Protein backbone atom coordinates (compact mmCIF):
# COMPACT_ATOMS: atom_id res chain seq x y z
CA MET A 1 -25.80 4.11 -73.20
CA ALA A 2 -28.95 5.47 -70.68
CA LEU A 3 -30.04 8.35 -68.45
CA ILE A 4 -31.69 6.57 -65.89
CA ALA A 5 -33.08 7.78 -62.61
CA LEU A 6 -34.64 6.51 -59.65
CA VAL A 7 -37.11 8.39 -57.56
CA SER A 8 -40.04 7.15 -54.40
CA ALA A 9 -42.97 8.31 -52.96
CA LYS A 10 -41.15 7.92 -49.25
CA SER A 11 -37.59 6.56 -48.10
CA ASP A 12 -38.21 3.30 -50.04
CA GLY A 13 -34.56 2.57 -50.76
CA VAL A 14 -33.38 4.31 -53.41
CA THR A 15 -29.96 5.33 -52.63
CA THR A 16 -29.50 1.33 -52.17
CA ALA A 17 -30.79 0.17 -55.19
CA ALA A 18 -28.92 3.25 -57.23
CA ALA A 19 -25.91 1.99 -55.49
CA ALA A 20 -26.89 -1.31 -56.01
CA LEU A 21 -26.69 -1.16 -59.91
CA ALA A 22 -23.69 1.18 -60.07
CA LEU A 23 -21.93 -1.55 -57.94
CA ALA A 24 -22.67 -4.03 -59.95
CA SER A 25 -22.37 -2.05 -64.02
CA ARG A 26 -20.22 -4.06 -66.21
CA ARG A 27 -19.61 -0.84 -68.15
CA PRO A 28 -18.40 2.90 -66.81
CA VAL A 29 -21.25 4.39 -64.63
CA LEU A 30 -21.90 8.05 -63.56
CA LEU A 31 -23.79 7.56 -59.73
CA ALA A 32 -24.90 11.82 -59.34
CA GLU A 33 -26.89 11.96 -55.85
CA LEU A 34 -29.34 14.41 -57.18
CA ASP A 35 -31.56 13.98 -53.83
CA MET A 36 -32.73 17.94 -52.49
CA ALA A 37 -33.27 16.09 -48.75
CA GLY A 38 -29.67 15.70 -48.70
CA GLY A 39 -27.16 13.12 -49.95
CA THR A 40 -25.92 9.98 -47.76
CA LEU A 41 -23.38 8.82 -50.17
CA ARG A 42 -20.57 10.55 -48.30
CA HIS A 43 -21.58 9.31 -45.03
CA GLY A 44 -22.06 6.28 -45.89
CA LEU A 45 -20.72 4.07 -49.37
CA LEU A 46 -17.85 7.03 -49.68
CA ARG A 47 -17.10 7.73 -46.42
CA ASP A 48 -14.01 5.10 -46.30
CA VAL A 49 -12.97 5.10 -50.31
CA PRO A 50 -9.82 7.05 -51.25
CA ARG A 51 -9.21 9.26 -54.82
CA GLY A 52 -6.31 9.44 -56.33
CA GLU A 53 -2.28 9.07 -56.03
CA LEU A 54 -2.64 11.20 -52.67
CA HIS A 55 -5.36 8.87 -50.97
CA GLU A 56 -7.59 11.85 -49.95
CA ARG A 57 -10.57 11.44 -47.91
CA LEU A 58 -14.07 13.03 -49.15
CA ASP A 59 -15.03 16.17 -47.09
CA GLY A 60 -17.51 19.02 -47.60
CA THR A 61 -15.35 21.12 -49.75
CA ILE A 62 -16.65 18.07 -52.65
CA GLY A 63 -20.05 17.69 -54.27
CA LEU A 64 -22.63 18.74 -55.64
CA HIS A 65 -23.65 22.21 -53.41
CA ARG A 66 -20.11 23.28 -55.04
CA LEU A 67 -21.14 23.44 -58.47
CA PRO A 68 -23.39 26.49 -58.36
CA GLN A 69 -20.28 28.42 -56.91
CA ALA A 70 -18.15 26.72 -59.72
CA ASP A 71 -20.87 27.46 -62.24
CA TRP A 72 -20.64 31.38 -61.50
CA GLU A 73 -17.13 31.69 -61.38
CA ARG A 74 -17.09 30.31 -65.59
CA ALA A 75 -15.47 33.25 -67.79
CA SER A 76 -18.32 32.85 -70.20
CA ALA A 77 -21.59 30.36 -70.23
CA GLU A 78 -19.84 29.09 -73.39
CA GLN A 79 -17.07 28.08 -70.93
CA ASP A 80 -16.83 24.22 -70.80
CA PHE A 81 -18.35 23.23 -67.25
CA THR A 82 -16.93 20.09 -67.54
CA PRO A 83 -13.66 20.45 -65.33
CA GLN A 84 -15.54 21.99 -62.98
CA VAL A 85 -17.91 18.90 -61.75
CA ALA A 86 -14.85 16.78 -62.39
CA GLN A 87 -13.23 18.34 -59.98
CA HIS A 88 -16.38 16.95 -57.66
CA LEU A 89 -16.53 13.54 -58.71
CA TRP A 90 -15.63 10.99 -56.40
CA PRO A 91 -14.99 6.53 -56.87
CA LEU A 92 -17.71 4.33 -56.08
CA ASP A 93 -14.89 1.85 -55.52
CA ASP A 94 -11.36 0.80 -56.30
CA SER A 95 -12.06 0.71 -60.22
CA ASP A 96 -11.55 4.07 -62.31
CA TYR A 97 -14.93 3.50 -64.17
CA ARG A 98 -17.72 3.86 -61.07
CA ILE A 99 -17.70 7.43 -60.05
CA ALA A 100 -20.31 9.25 -58.32
CA LEU A 101 -21.25 13.09 -57.49
CA PRO A 102 -21.68 13.05 -54.21
CA GLY A 103 -24.92 15.04 -53.39
CA LEU A 104 -26.52 18.38 -50.83
CA ILE A 105 -24.80 18.60 -47.35
CA ASP A 106 -27.55 20.87 -46.03
CA PRO A 107 -31.13 20.79 -47.63
CA ARG A 108 -31.36 24.94 -47.98
CA GLN A 109 -28.52 23.95 -50.56
CA ALA A 110 -31.34 23.21 -52.89
CA ALA A 111 -32.10 26.41 -54.06
CA SER A 112 -28.90 27.72 -55.37
CA LEU A 113 -29.22 24.93 -57.81
CA THR A 114 -31.51 26.63 -60.06
CA SER A 115 -29.35 28.23 -61.91
CA THR A 116 -27.20 25.44 -62.60
CA TRP A 117 -29.31 22.57 -63.78
CA PRO A 118 -29.39 23.30 -67.37
CA THR A 119 -24.99 23.12 -67.31
CA LEU A 120 -25.57 20.17 -64.90
CA LEU A 121 -28.07 18.32 -67.23
CA ASN A 122 -25.86 19.01 -70.27
CA VAL A 123 -22.31 17.64 -68.75
CA LEU A 124 -24.65 13.91 -67.67
CA GLN A 125 -26.38 14.32 -71.50
CA LEU A 126 -22.56 14.30 -72.77
CA THR A 127 -21.11 11.44 -70.47
CA ASP A 128 -24.00 9.68 -71.59
CA GLN A 129 -23.97 10.41 -74.98
CA GLN A 130 -20.71 10.71 -76.25
CA LEU A 131 -18.36 9.10 -73.45
CA GLY A 132 -20.63 5.69 -73.26
CA TRP A 133 -20.68 5.74 -69.69
CA ASP A 134 -24.25 4.84 -67.87
CA VAL A 135 -25.49 7.52 -65.84
CA LEU A 136 -27.46 6.99 -62.73
CA VAL A 137 -29.47 9.47 -61.28
CA ASP A 138 -30.31 9.31 -57.25
CA GLY A 139 -33.43 11.52 -57.11
CA GLY A 140 -34.46 10.37 -54.02
CA ARG A 141 -37.97 10.93 -52.38
CA ILE A 142 -40.04 12.89 -54.81
CA VAL A 143 -41.85 16.24 -53.75
CA LEU A 144 -44.58 17.58 -55.79
CA GLU A 145 -46.22 21.15 -55.88
CA GLY A 146 -49.74 21.73 -57.71
CA GLY A 147 -49.37 17.98 -58.54
CA ARG A 148 -46.18 18.97 -60.42
CA LEU A 149 -42.71 17.95 -59.91
CA HIS A 150 -41.07 20.79 -57.57
CA PRO A 151 -38.97 23.03 -59.22
CA VAL A 152 -36.51 23.96 -56.37
CA LEU A 153 -37.54 20.51 -53.66
CA SER A 154 -37.09 17.71 -56.57
CA PRO A 155 -34.33 17.68 -59.42
CA ALA A 156 -36.93 18.11 -62.11
CA PRO A 157 -34.91 19.77 -64.97
CA VAL A 158 -32.55 15.89 -65.11
CA LEU A 159 -36.18 14.15 -64.49
CA ARG A 160 -37.80 15.15 -67.38
CA GLU A 161 -35.06 14.80 -69.57
CA ALA A 162 -34.31 11.24 -68.30
CA ASP A 163 -33.81 8.13 -70.75
CA LEU A 164 -36.31 6.29 -68.23
CA VAL A 165 -37.61 7.21 -64.58
CA LEU A 166 -38.01 4.40 -62.00
CA LEU A 167 -40.48 5.13 -59.19
CA VAL A 168 -38.91 2.68 -56.39
CA VAL A 169 -41.50 0.71 -55.01
CA ARG A 170 -41.22 -1.54 -52.04
CA MET A 171 -43.49 -5.01 -51.62
CA THR A 172 -45.36 -3.30 -48.88
CA GLU A 173 -49.35 -2.50 -48.75
CA GLU A 174 -47.94 1.13 -47.29
CA SER A 175 -45.14 1.44 -49.75
CA GLN A 176 -47.57 0.95 -53.01
CA ALA A 177 -50.37 2.86 -51.35
CA LEU A 178 -48.06 6.12 -51.17
CA ALA A 179 -46.90 5.30 -54.97
CA TYR A 180 -50.46 5.46 -56.94
CA PRO A 181 -50.67 9.37 -56.39
CA MET A 182 -46.97 9.55 -57.42
CA VAL A 183 -47.36 7.07 -60.53
CA ARG A 184 -50.37 9.96 -61.85
CA SER A 185 -48.26 13.05 -61.30
CA LEU A 186 -45.18 11.72 -62.46
CA GLN A 187 -47.13 10.14 -65.67
CA SER A 188 -48.67 13.49 -66.15
CA ASP A 189 -45.50 15.83 -65.49
CA LEU A 190 -43.36 13.62 -67.83
CA ALA A 191 -46.16 13.12 -70.50
CA PRO A 192 -44.13 15.37 -73.06
CA GLN A 193 -41.25 12.79 -72.73
CA GLY A 194 -43.70 10.21 -74.12
CA ALA A 195 -44.81 6.70 -73.09
CA GLY A 196 -42.59 4.74 -71.49
CA ALA A 197 -40.91 7.12 -69.32
CA LEU A 198 -41.83 5.86 -66.50
CA GLY A 199 -41.70 2.45 -65.33
CA LEU A 200 -41.56 0.54 -61.68
CA LEU A 201 -38.36 -0.87 -59.78
CA VAL A 202 -39.22 -3.26 -57.00
CA LEU A 203 -37.83 -3.97 -54.32
CA GLY A 204 -38.33 -7.26 -52.47
CA GLU A 205 -40.66 -10.33 -52.47
CA GLY A 206 -44.15 -11.05 -51.38
CA TYR A 207 -46.60 -9.61 -53.89
CA ARG A 208 -46.76 -10.89 -57.82
CA HIS A 209 -45.26 -8.04 -59.96
CA ALA A 210 -48.25 -8.28 -62.47
CA ASP A 211 -50.39 -7.44 -59.39
CA VAL A 212 -47.84 -4.91 -58.69
CA ALA A 213 -48.28 -3.55 -62.31
CA ARG A 214 -51.82 -3.88 -62.01
CA GLY A 215 -52.45 -2.41 -59.59
CA LEU A 216 -50.54 1.23 -59.87
CA GLU A 217 -51.09 1.24 -63.80
CA ALA A 218 -47.58 1.09 -64.75
CA PRO A 219 -44.88 -1.13 -65.94
CA VAL A 220 -42.22 -3.17 -63.59
CA LEU A 221 -39.35 -2.69 -65.28
CA ALA A 222 -37.18 -4.15 -62.78
CA THR A 223 -37.00 -6.17 -59.64
CA LEU A 224 -33.74 -6.06 -56.77
CA PRO A 225 -34.63 -8.68 -54.13
CA TRP A 226 -33.57 -7.30 -50.40
CA ASP A 227 -30.82 -8.77 -48.84
CA GLU A 228 -29.96 -7.00 -45.37
CA THR A 229 -26.37 -7.33 -45.42
CA ALA A 230 -25.61 -6.48 -49.32
CA ALA A 231 -27.71 -3.35 -48.52
CA ALA A 232 -26.78 -2.74 -44.64
CA TYR A 233 -23.38 -1.90 -46.60
CA LEU A 234 -24.24 -0.15 -49.29
CA ARG A 235 -26.19 2.23 -46.92
CA SER A 236 -23.36 2.36 -44.36
CA GLY A 237 -19.97 1.28 -46.37
CA GLY A 238 -16.81 0.63 -44.38
CA ARG A 239 -15.50 -2.71 -45.00
CA MET A 240 -17.28 -5.17 -47.89
CA PRO A 241 -18.81 -8.00 -45.54
CA ARG A 242 -17.52 -11.77 -47.49
CA GLY A 243 -20.46 -12.32 -50.11
CA VAL A 244 -21.78 -9.33 -50.85
CA THR A 245 -20.64 -9.26 -54.68
CA ARG A 246 -22.50 -12.44 -54.57
CA SER A 247 -25.41 -11.71 -52.69
CA ARG A 248 -29.12 -12.23 -54.35
CA LEU A 249 -28.94 -8.05 -54.08
CA MET A 250 -25.81 -7.72 -56.35
CA ARG A 251 -26.20 -10.82 -58.75
CA THR A 252 -29.56 -9.19 -59.83
CA ALA A 253 -28.17 -5.79 -59.70
CA ARG A 254 -26.06 -7.29 -62.63
CA ASP A 255 -28.59 -8.84 -64.55
CA THR A 256 -31.04 -6.04 -64.38
CA MET A 257 -28.94 -2.68 -65.96
CA GLY A 258 -29.14 -4.42 -69.46
CA PRO A 259 -32.36 -4.35 -70.01
CA LEU A 260 -32.92 -1.33 -68.43
CA ARG A 261 -30.48 0.38 -70.86
CA GLU A 262 -32.05 -1.22 -73.76
CA HIS A 263 -35.10 -0.06 -72.70
CA ALA A 264 -33.92 3.43 -72.72
CA ASP A 265 -32.47 2.91 -75.77
CA ARG A 266 -35.71 1.88 -77.09
CA ARG A 267 -36.98 4.76 -75.78
CA ARG A 268 -34.74 7.43 -77.53
CA LEU A 269 -34.50 5.85 -80.81
CA HIS A 270 -38.64 6.13 -80.66
CA LEU A 271 -38.43 9.75 -79.71
CA GLN A 272 -35.53 10.95 -82.09
CA MET A 273 -37.50 9.41 -84.92
CA ARG A 274 -41.13 11.27 -83.51
CA GLN A 275 -39.71 14.04 -83.49
CA VAL A 276 -38.23 14.56 -87.01
CA GLN A 277 -40.24 17.09 -88.72
CA ALA A 278 -40.11 18.97 -92.25
CA ALA A 279 -37.87 22.04 -92.22
CA THR A 280 -40.33 23.79 -94.37
CA PRO A 281 -43.91 23.67 -95.67
CA ALA A 282 -42.49 22.96 -99.41
CA VAL A 283 -40.75 19.69 -97.87
CA GLU A 284 -44.37 18.21 -96.17
CA ARG A 285 -46.12 18.92 -99.57
CA ILE A 286 -43.29 16.30 -101.18
CA VAL A 287 -43.18 13.85 -98.48
CA GLN A 288 -47.50 13.72 -98.68
CA GLN A 289 -46.59 13.65 -102.50
CA LEU A 290 -44.72 10.86 -101.71
CA ALA A 291 -46.54 9.36 -99.68
CA HIS A 292 -49.75 9.17 -102.44
CA ARG A 293 -47.18 7.57 -105.08
CA GLY A 294 -46.37 4.84 -102.85
CA VAL A 295 -50.60 4.57 -101.59
CA ARG A 296 -50.92 4.22 -105.71
CA HIS A 297 -48.78 1.55 -106.36
CA VAL A 298 -49.11 -0.92 -103.01
């Protein structure tokens, strides 16, 4: 499985793309809305989706903004934070394997998350690595400080630990112009994660993907065609219009998650192999001796 984050240089359809990928997923998926400018899912896609046997309706008592208080109320730092997070998850549809963590109600709540990021990140990683769910993060519009991810106004700790970060770019000159400096900053900030941490998700049609990749100097890892009817439903929720599930946007989203997951898995395996280090100098000398013997016998 994978932890994949979507971000943008401007409001370029991050939430729409993330929701499409989540709803189209053939595997269990958690969509975490970590846009520090405020979430839109609660007033859109999730507004008419009930939860549980009592058919609860989503209100202001549920969501990301409640996690700092829940984290603070834990008896100790060692206490499992997963149950507290689980209380703030909401179904994306009538299935039991597509769920969301609704985002902030007020951007001013972003500062309260500073001490909560490590424990929330751990829950997301466990959901991915132990439960085997895909985790999609809606990181919203990226805010920089000194050319790096802003420590408060962006979900920096999660982006830096994601298996894959996708910068969402529309097929317009304006979107690509705004994306170029953001690619440079993200590549620098995510450099410790190794090559391949950043890719592009292109929305719409109009330019050749090879030209977009060359112009932005980053690989195009996914493309989604724009379908206004499907996109309007993903933004606003309500009653699903006829044919949305068969729209080009949703059909392509279904075919996109597999390759993205495989790319993220390859990166994770590469990093795990790269991070293996000798436990002691003696072990290092043994490895060097083995390597020397191997060369002599070739």
